[in-house]
Amino acid sequence: MNHSTGSGPAVLDRPSGKDRPAWRTVNITAAERAGRIAVGLAAIIAGIILLAGAGSALAVVLEALLVAAGLDLAVTGALGHCPLYAKLGYLPKSLRRPR
């Protein structure tokens, strides 16, 4: 039985037998994590540079969205957990444990 002291569902950590929050589970491969971090940082930098010269309100909104998307990619890459993957129940084959 899984018990959680925090909010959200808990996942049984098989090696230690302890519960941990679902958001702490790694569901992104190492290669994807590196790619997310690299692309996220590039998007953040590009968005900030473009924001400096933004001429219209639409440009500001689009560049702010670029920065936000970059932050999302960088954070999910750094944490190794993608909430969308978790919601869809997706787990890469290389991270699946044999039953």
N, C-alpha and C. Protein backbone atom coordinates (compact mmCIF):
# COMPACT_ATOMS: atom_id res chain seq x y z
N MET A 1 0.83 -1.16 0.00
CA MET A 1 0.00 0.00 0.00
C MET A 1 0.89 1.24 0.00
N ASN A 2 0.56 2.21 -0.83
CA ASN A 2 1.35 3.42 -0.93
C ASN A 2 0.78 4.51 -0.04
N HIS A 3 1.63 5.14 0.74
CA HIS A 3 1.23 6.26 1.58
C HIS A 3 2.02 7.46 1.13
N SER A 4 1.39 8.61 1.12
CA SER A 4 2.05 9.83 0.69
C SER A 4 1.85 10.91 1.73
N THR A 5 2.93 11.57 2.11
CA THR A 5 2.82 12.66 3.06
C THR A 5 2.60 13.97 2.33
N GLY A 6 2.97 14.06 1.03
CA GLY A 6 2.80 15.27 0.25
C GLY A 6 1.55 15.19 -0.59
N SER A 7 1.38 16.17 -1.45
CA SER A 7 0.22 16.15 -2.31
C SER A 7 0.50 15.28 -3.53
N GLY A 8 -0.54 14.73 -4.12
CA GLY A 8 -0.38 13.92 -5.31
C GLY A 8 -0.16 12.46 -4.98
N PRO A 9 -0.24 11.62 -6.01
CA PRO A 9 -0.07 10.18 -5.80
C PRO A 9 1.38 9.83 -5.48
N ALA A 10 1.53 8.74 -4.78
CA ALA A 10 2.87 8.25 -4.43
C ALA A 10 3.19 7.05 -5.30
N VAL A 11 4.46 6.84 -5.52
CA VAL A 11 4.93 5.71 -6.31
C VAL A 11 5.87 4.90 -5.42
N LEU A 12 5.72 3.58 -5.46
CA LEU A 12 6.58 2.74 -4.65
C LEU A 12 7.97 2.68 -5.26
N ASP A 13 8.96 3.05 -4.48
CA ASP A 13 10.35 3.00 -4.92
C ASP A 13 10.84 1.58 -4.65
N ARG A 14 10.92 0.75 -5.68
CA ARG A 14 11.18 -0.68 -5.52
C ARG A 14 12.48 -1.02 -4.80
N PRO A 15 13.63 -0.40 -5.14
CA PRO A 15 14.86 -0.84 -4.48
C PRO A 15 14.83 -0.61 -2.96
N SER A 16 14.32 0.52 -2.50
CA SER A 16 14.36 0.79 -1.07
C SER A 16 13.05 0.43 -0.38
N GLY A 17 11.97 0.25 -1.16
CA GLY A 17 10.69 -0.08 -0.58
C GLY A 17 9.97 1.11 0.03
N LYS A 18 10.49 2.33 -0.19
CA LYS A 18 9.88 3.53 0.37
C LYS A 18 9.00 4.21 -0.66
N ASP A 19 8.03 4.96 -0.17
CA ASP A 19 7.17 5.73 -1.05
C ASP A 19 7.84 7.05 -1.38
N ARG A 20 7.54 7.56 -2.57
CA ARG A 20 8.01 8.89 -2.95
C ARG A 20 6.95 9.51 -3.85
N PRO A 21 6.89 10.84 -3.88
CA PRO A 21 5.89 11.50 -4.72
C PRO A 21 6.09 11.14 -6.19
N ALA A 22 5.01 11.07 -6.94
CA ALA A 22 5.08 10.69 -8.35
C ALA A 22 5.93 11.65 -9.16
N TRP A 23 5.96 12.93 -8.78
CA TRP A 23 6.74 13.91 -9.55
C TRP A 23 8.24 13.71 -9.40
N ARG A 24 8.66 12.87 -8.47
CA ARG A 24 10.09 12.62 -8.29
C ARG A 24 10.57 11.41 -9.07
N THR A 25 9.68 10.74 -9.77
CA THR A 25 10.10 9.59 -10.57
C THR A 25 10.72 10.07 -11.88
N VAL A 26 11.76 9.42 -12.32
CA VAL A 26 12.41 9.77 -13.58
C VAL A 26 11.69 9.03 -14.70
N ASN A 27 11.16 9.79 -15.65
CA ASN A 27 10.48 9.17 -16.79
C ASN A 27 11.01 9.72 -18.12
N ILE A 28 12.22 10.25 -18.09
CA ILE A 28 12.87 10.77 -19.29
C ILE A 28 14.27 10.16 -19.36
N THR A 29 14.65 9.67 -20.53
CA THR A 29 15.97 9.07 -20.69
C THR A 29 17.07 10.13 -20.59
N ALA A 30 18.29 9.68 -20.36
CA ALA A 30 19.42 10.60 -20.21
C ALA A 30 19.64 11.44 -21.47
N ALA A 31 19.50 10.82 -22.63
CA ALA A 31 19.69 11.57 -23.88
C ALA A 31 18.61 12.63 -24.05
N GLU A 32 17.38 12.28 -23.73
CA GLU A 32 16.29 13.25 -23.84
C GLU A 32 16.46 14.38 -22.82
N ARG A 33 16.94 14.05 -21.63
CA ARG A 33 17.19 15.07 -20.61
C ARG A 33 18.21 16.08 -21.12
N ALA A 34 19.32 15.60 -21.69
CA ALA A 34 20.35 16.49 -22.21
C ALA A 34 19.80 17.36 -23.34
N GLY A 35 19.01 16.76 -24.23
CA GLY A 35 18.41 17.51 -25.33
C GLY A 35 17.44 18.57 -24.84
N ARG A 36 16.62 18.23 -23.85
CA ARG A 36 15.68 19.20 -23.30
C ARG A 36 16.41 20.37 -22.66
N ILE A 37 17.47 20.08 -21.93
CA ILE A 37 18.22 21.15 -21.28
C ILE A 37 18.86 22.06 -22.33
N ALA A 38 19.48 21.48 -23.35
CA ALA A 38 20.16 22.26 -24.38
C ALA A 38 19.17 23.12 -25.17
N VAL A 39 18.08 22.53 -25.62
CA VAL A 39 17.09 23.28 -26.40
C VAL A 39 16.40 24.31 -25.51
N GLY A 40 16.12 23.95 -24.27
CA GLY A 40 15.49 24.89 -23.35
C GLY A 40 16.35 26.11 -23.09
N LEU A 41 17.63 25.89 -22.83
CA LEU A 41 18.53 27.02 -22.61
C LEU A 41 18.66 27.89 -23.85
N ALA A 42 18.72 27.27 -25.03
CA ALA A 42 18.79 28.03 -26.28
C ALA A 42 17.53 28.88 -26.47
N ALA A 43 16.36 28.32 -26.15
CA ALA A 43 15.11 29.06 -26.28
C ALA A 43 15.04 30.22 -25.29
N ILE A 44 15.51 29.98 -24.09
CA ILE A 44 15.52 31.06 -23.08
C ILE A 44 16.41 32.21 -23.54
N ILE A 45 17.61 31.88 -23.99
CA ILE A 45 18.56 32.91 -24.44
C ILE A 45 18.00 33.66 -25.65
N ALA A 46 17.48 32.92 -26.63
CA ALA A 46 16.92 33.55 -27.83
C ALA A 46 15.74 34.44 -27.48
N GLY A 47 14.88 33.97 -26.60
CA GLY A 47 13.72 34.77 -26.20
C GLY A 47 14.12 36.06 -25.50
N ILE A 48 15.11 36.00 -24.64
CA ILE A 48 15.57 37.19 -23.93
C ILE A 48 16.22 38.18 -24.91
N ILE A 49 17.02 37.67 -25.83
CA ILE A 49 17.65 38.55 -26.83
C ILE A 49 16.58 39.21 -27.70
N LEU A 50 15.60 38.43 -28.13
CA LEU A 50 14.54 38.98 -28.97
C LEU A 50 13.66 39.97 -28.20
N LEU A 51 13.45 39.71 -26.92
CA LEU A 51 12.65 40.63 -26.10
C LEU A 51 13.28 42.00 -26.01
N ALA A 52 14.60 42.05 -26.04
CA ALA A 52 15.30 43.34 -25.94
C ALA A 52 14.96 44.26 -27.10
N GLY A 53 14.69 43.70 -28.26
CA GLY A 53 14.38 44.52 -29.43
C GLY A 53 12.94 44.41 -29.89
N ALA A 54 12.05 43.93 -29.05
CA ALA A 54 10.65 43.73 -29.44
C ALA A 54 10.01 45.07 -29.77
N GLY A 55 9.30 45.09 -30.91
CA GLY A 55 8.69 46.33 -31.35
C GLY A 55 7.20 46.41 -31.10
N SER A 56 6.52 45.29 -31.09
CA SER A 56 5.06 45.32 -30.91
C SER A 56 4.65 44.45 -29.73
N ALA A 57 3.41 44.63 -29.32
CA ALA A 57 2.88 43.84 -28.20
C ALA A 57 2.83 42.36 -28.56
N LEU A 58 2.48 42.07 -29.81
CA LEU A 58 2.44 40.67 -30.25
C LEU A 58 3.82 40.03 -30.17
N ALA A 59 4.84 40.76 -30.56
CA ALA A 59 6.21 40.24 -30.49
C ALA A 59 6.61 39.96 -29.05
N VAL A 60 6.24 40.85 -28.14
CA VAL A 60 6.56 40.65 -26.73
C VAL A 60 5.89 39.39 -26.21
N VAL A 61 4.61 39.19 -26.54
CA VAL A 61 3.87 38.00 -26.08
C VAL A 61 4.51 36.73 -26.63
N LEU A 62 4.82 36.71 -27.92
CA LEU A 62 5.41 35.51 -28.53
C LEU A 62 6.79 35.21 -27.96
N GLU A 63 7.57 36.23 -27.71
CA GLU A 63 8.91 36.01 -27.16
C GLU A 63 8.84 35.58 -25.70
N ALA A 64 7.87 36.10 -24.96
CA ALA A 64 7.67 35.65 -23.58
C ALA A 64 7.25 34.18 -23.56
N LEU A 65 6.42 33.77 -24.53
CA LEU A 65 6.04 32.36 -24.64
C LEU A 65 7.24 31.49 -24.99
N LEU A 66 8.15 32.00 -25.81
CA LEU A 66 9.37 31.27 -26.13
C LEU A 66 10.22 31.06 -24.88
N VAL A 67 10.34 32.09 -24.06
CA VAL A 67 11.09 31.97 -22.80
C VAL A 67 10.41 30.96 -21.88
N ALA A 68 9.07 31.02 -21.79
CA ALA A 68 8.33 30.09 -20.92
C ALA A 68 8.50 28.65 -21.39
N ALA A 69 8.43 28.43 -22.69
CA ALA A 69 8.62 27.07 -23.23
C ALA A 69 10.05 26.59 -22.95
N GLY A 70 11.01 27.48 -23.09
CA GLY A 70 12.40 27.13 -22.78
C GLY A 70 12.58 26.76 -21.32
N LEU A 71 11.93 27.53 -20.43
CA LEU A 71 12.00 27.21 -19.00
C LEU A 71 11.40 25.84 -18.71
N ASP A 72 10.27 25.55 -19.36
CA ASP A 72 9.63 24.24 -19.15
C ASP A 72 10.56 23.11 -19.60
N LEU A 73 11.16 23.26 -20.76
CA LEU A 73 12.08 22.22 -21.24
C LEU A 73 13.29 22.07 -20.33
N ALA A 74 13.87 23.19 -19.91
CA ALA A 74 15.06 23.13 -19.06
C ALA A 74 14.74 22.50 -17.71
N VAL A 75 13.61 22.86 -17.12
CA VAL A 75 13.25 22.32 -15.80
C VAL A 75 12.92 20.83 -15.88
N THR A 76 12.11 20.43 -16.87
CA THR A 76 11.78 19.00 -16.97
C THR A 76 13.03 18.18 -17.29
N GLY A 77 13.93 18.74 -18.08
CA GLY A 77 15.19 18.04 -18.37
C GLY A 77 16.05 17.90 -17.12
N ALA A 78 16.13 18.96 -16.34
CA ALA A 78 16.96 18.92 -15.13
C ALA A 78 16.37 17.97 -14.08
N LEU A 79 15.05 17.96 -13.95
CA LEU A 79 14.41 17.08 -12.96
C LEU A 79 14.29 15.64 -13.45
N GLY A 80 14.25 15.47 -14.78
CA GLY A 80 14.11 14.12 -15.33
C GLY A 80 12.69 13.60 -15.29
N HIS A 81 11.73 14.49 -15.05
CA HIS A 81 10.33 14.08 -14.97
C HIS A 81 9.48 14.97 -15.86
N CYS A 82 8.69 14.36 -16.72
CA CYS A 82 7.76 15.08 -17.59
C CYS A 82 6.34 14.78 -17.11
N PRO A 83 5.62 15.79 -16.61
CA PRO A 83 4.26 15.57 -16.14
C PRO A 83 3.33 15.05 -17.24
N LEU A 84 3.52 15.49 -18.48
CA LEU A 84 2.68 15.01 -19.58
C LEU A 84 2.90 13.52 -19.81
N TYR A 85 4.17 13.08 -19.80
CA TYR A 85 4.45 11.65 -19.93
C TYR A 85 3.76 10.87 -18.82
N ALA A 86 3.83 11.38 -17.59
CA ALA A 86 3.21 10.70 -16.46
C ALA A 86 1.70 10.62 -16.64
N LYS A 87 1.09 11.71 -17.08
CA LYS A 87 -0.37 11.74 -17.27
C LYS A 87 -0.80 10.75 -18.35
N LEU A 88 0.02 10.63 -19.41
CA LEU A 88 -0.30 9.71 -20.50
C LEU A 88 0.10 8.27 -20.19
N GLY A 89 0.86 8.07 -19.11
CA GLY A 89 1.31 6.73 -18.75
C GLY A 89 2.48 6.25 -19.59
N TYR A 90 3.19 7.17 -20.22
CA TYR A 90 4.31 6.80 -21.09
C TYR A 90 5.60 6.66 -20.27
N LEU A 91 6.32 5.58 -20.53
CA LEU A 91 7.63 5.37 -19.93
C LEU A 91 8.51 4.71 -20.98
N PRO A 92 9.65 5.33 -21.32
CA PRO A 92 10.53 4.74 -22.34
C PRO A 92 10.94 3.32 -21.97
N LYS A 93 11.11 2.48 -22.99
CA LYS A 93 11.48 1.08 -22.75
C LYS A 93 12.75 0.94 -21.93
N SER A 94 13.71 1.83 -22.14
CA SER A 94 14.99 1.72 -21.42
C SER A 94 14.84 2.00 -19.92
N LEU A 95 13.75 2.62 -19.50
CA LEU A 95 13.54 2.92 -18.09
C LEU A 95 12.59 1.94 -17.40
N ARG A 96 11.99 1.05 -18.18
CA ARG A 96 11.05 0.08 -17.61
C ARG A 96 11.80 -1.01 -16.87
N ARG A 97 11.26 -1.42 -15.75
CA ARG A 97 11.85 -2.51 -14.97
C ARG A 97 11.19 -3.82 -15.36
N PRO A 98 11.97 -4.90 -15.40
CA PRO A 98 11.36 -6.20 -15.70
C PRO A 98 10.42 -6.59 -14.55
N ARG A 99 9.36 -7.27 -14.92
CA ARG A 99 8.35 -7.66 -13.91
C ARG A 99 8.71 -8.95 -13.25
